[in-house]
Protein backbone atom coordinates (compact mmCIF):
# COMPACT_ATOMS: atom_id res chain seq x y z
CA MET A 1 -2.93 -17.47 -13.35
CA SER A 2 0.44 -15.79 -14.65
CA GLU A 3 3.65 -15.48 -13.50
CA LEU A 4 3.16 -11.71 -12.78
CA PHE A 5 0.66 -12.38 -10.14
CA ASP A 6 3.00 -14.71 -8.24
CA VAL A 7 5.56 -12.43 -7.42
CA ILE A 8 5.64 -9.34 -5.41
CA ASN A 9 7.07 -6.43 -7.19
CA TYR A 10 9.27 -3.74 -5.65
CA PRO A 11 11.10 -0.80 -7.17
CA LYS A 12 14.71 -1.88 -8.79
CA ASP A 13 16.26 1.45 -7.65
CA PRO A 14 13.69 3.12 -4.82
CA ALA A 15 15.24 6.93 -5.14
CA ASN A 16 15.02 6.28 -9.23
CA LYS A 17 11.82 4.69 -9.81
CA SER A 18 10.34 3.98 -13.53
CA ASP A 19 7.31 5.44 -14.24
CA LEU A 20 5.55 1.98 -14.19
CA GLU A 21 7.05 1.83 -10.52
CA LYS A 22 5.85 5.45 -9.65
CA LYS A 23 2.25 4.42 -10.57
CA HIS A 24 2.08 0.74 -8.79
CA TYR A 25 4.22 1.37 -5.53
CA PRO A 26 2.14 1.92 -2.33
CA THR A 27 3.17 4.74 -0.27
CA ILE A 28 2.35 4.63 3.77
CA ASP A 29 1.70 8.03 5.02
CA MET A 30 1.10 7.70 9.30
CA PRO A 31 2.66 9.54 12.08
CA ALA A 32 6.18 9.14 12.73
CA SER A 33 5.73 7.74 16.09
CA VAL A 34 2.76 7.11 18.15
CA LYS A 35 1.72 5.99 21.78
CA ALA A 36 1.24 2.55 22.42
CA TRP A 37 -2.39 1.11 21.95
CA GLU A 38 -3.78 4.72 20.98
CA PRO A 39 -5.44 5.07 17.86
CA PHE A 40 -3.83 6.72 14.83
CA GLU A 41 -4.58 7.28 11.00
CA VAL A 42 -2.66 5.37 8.25
CA LYS A 43 -3.09 6.03 4.38
CA VAL A 44 -1.92 4.16 1.63
CA THR A 45 -1.84 6.12 -1.73
CA ILE A 46 -0.85 4.10 -4.83
CA GLY A 47 0.61 6.16 -7.67
CA LYS A 48 1.34 8.77 -4.78
CA GLU A 49 4.16 9.94 -7.43
CA LEU A 50 2.09 9.13 -10.65
CA ALA A 51 -1.12 8.50 -10.51
CA HIS A 52 -2.75 5.46 -11.60
CA PRO A 53 -5.55 4.80 -13.76
CA ASN A 54 -8.86 4.17 -12.43
CA GLU A 55 -11.02 2.72 -15.12
CA GLY A 56 -12.68 -0.77 -15.90
CA ALA A 57 -9.56 -1.62 -18.28
CA HIS A 58 -6.85 -0.98 -15.63
CA PHE A 59 -7.44 -0.36 -11.91
CA ILE A 60 -6.18 -1.23 -8.47
CA GLN A 61 -8.30 -4.37 -7.16
CA TRP A 62 -7.31 -4.41 -3.42
CA VAL A 63 -4.84 -2.74 -1.04
CA GLU A 64 -4.14 -5.03 2.04
CA LEU A 65 -2.20 -3.71 4.95
CA TYR A 66 0.27 -5.74 7.28
CA PHE A 67 1.63 -5.32 10.71
CA ASN A 68 5.23 -7.13 10.25
CA GLU A 69 3.86 -10.34 8.74
CA VAL A 70 0.45 -10.23 9.90
CA LEU A 71 -2.52 -8.99 7.73
CA ILE A 72 -4.75 -5.99 9.78
CA SER A 73 -7.20 -5.53 6.86
CA ARG A 74 -7.72 -5.41 3.23
CA SER A 75 -9.70 -3.08 1.28
CA GLU A 76 -11.47 -4.26 -2.06
CA LEU A 77 -11.32 -1.52 -4.31
CA THR A 78 -14.08 -1.05 -7.29
CA PRO A 79 -12.62 0.99 -10.72
CA THR A 80 -13.95 4.33 -11.71
CA ILE A 81 -15.58 4.55 -7.98
CA TYR A 82 -12.93 4.75 -5.67
CA GLU A 83 -10.50 7.72 -4.93
CA MET A 84 -7.03 7.21 -3.09
CA PRO A 85 -5.83 7.38 -0.57
CA VAL A 86 -7.17 4.09 1.20
CA ASP A 87 -7.79 4.68 5.16
CA PHE A 88 -6.60 2.64 8.01
CA ARG A 89 -7.42 3.33 11.32
CA LEU A 90 -5.05 1.38 13.63
CA LYS A 91 -4.41 0.84 17.65
CA LEU A 92 -0.68 -0.96 18.26
CA GLY A 93 1.46 -2.25 21.18
CA LYS A 94 4.68 -2.29 19.97
CA SER A 95 7.13 -0.83 17.25
CA GLY A 96 7.60 -3.05 13.73
CA THR A 97 7.05 -2.89 9.87
CA LEU A 98 3.61 -1.59 8.36
CA ARG A 99 3.58 -3.11 4.94
CA ALA A 100 1.17 -1.97 2.20
CA ARG A 101 0.27 -4.49 -0.61
CA ALA A 102 -1.58 -3.51 -3.70
CA ARG A 103 -2.76 -5.75 -6.90
CA CYS A 104 -3.34 -3.89 -10.40
CA ASN A 105 -5.50 -6.06 -12.47
CA LEU A 106 -2.74 -5.75 -15.31
CA HIS A 107 0.95 -5.06 -13.72
CA GLY A 108 0.50 -7.77 -10.43
CA ILE A 109 1.08 -6.97 -6.63
CA TRP A 110 3.35 -4.38 -5.14
CA GLU A 111 4.60 -3.56 -1.63
CA GLY A 112 6.05 -0.78 -0.06
CA SER A 113 7.13 -0.57 3.77
CA ALA A 114 7.38 2.02 6.33
CA GLU A 115 8.75 1.51 9.93
CA LEU A 116 6.37 2.67 12.70
CA LYS A 117 7.88 3.60 16.21
CA ILE A 118 5.94 3.36 19.40
CA ASN A 119 6.48 5.28 22.18
C-alpha cells in the first residue's frame, strides 16, 4: 500500500483550503446541541465546498463516523450510484468530538471534526 493511504490528511490552513482540500474534506452537519440519549441526525458531506467526482476512476470509497476515538458507523459507497451527503442517526449520552473520515480511491483518507454538545 502506498504512503498516501497510511496517513490521514487534513487541510494545511482550514481557513484557506486548496481545491484538492475542498474536494476531499469531510464536513459534518448536525444540531448545535442535543439532549442526552435523544436521537439526532448527522450528515457528512465530502466536497461540500467543491464537488468531489463520483465516477469509476475517481470516487469516495467509504465514510466513517467516530465519537471521540470509537468507530460508530461506516458507509461503503459505490461509484456513480451514491449521492452526498451520507446520513447517520445517533443518540449519545455525553458531549465529545464527532470525527468523519473518508477515503478517496486516488487521494487517500481525509478527516474533519465537529464538537458535539449534549444538554
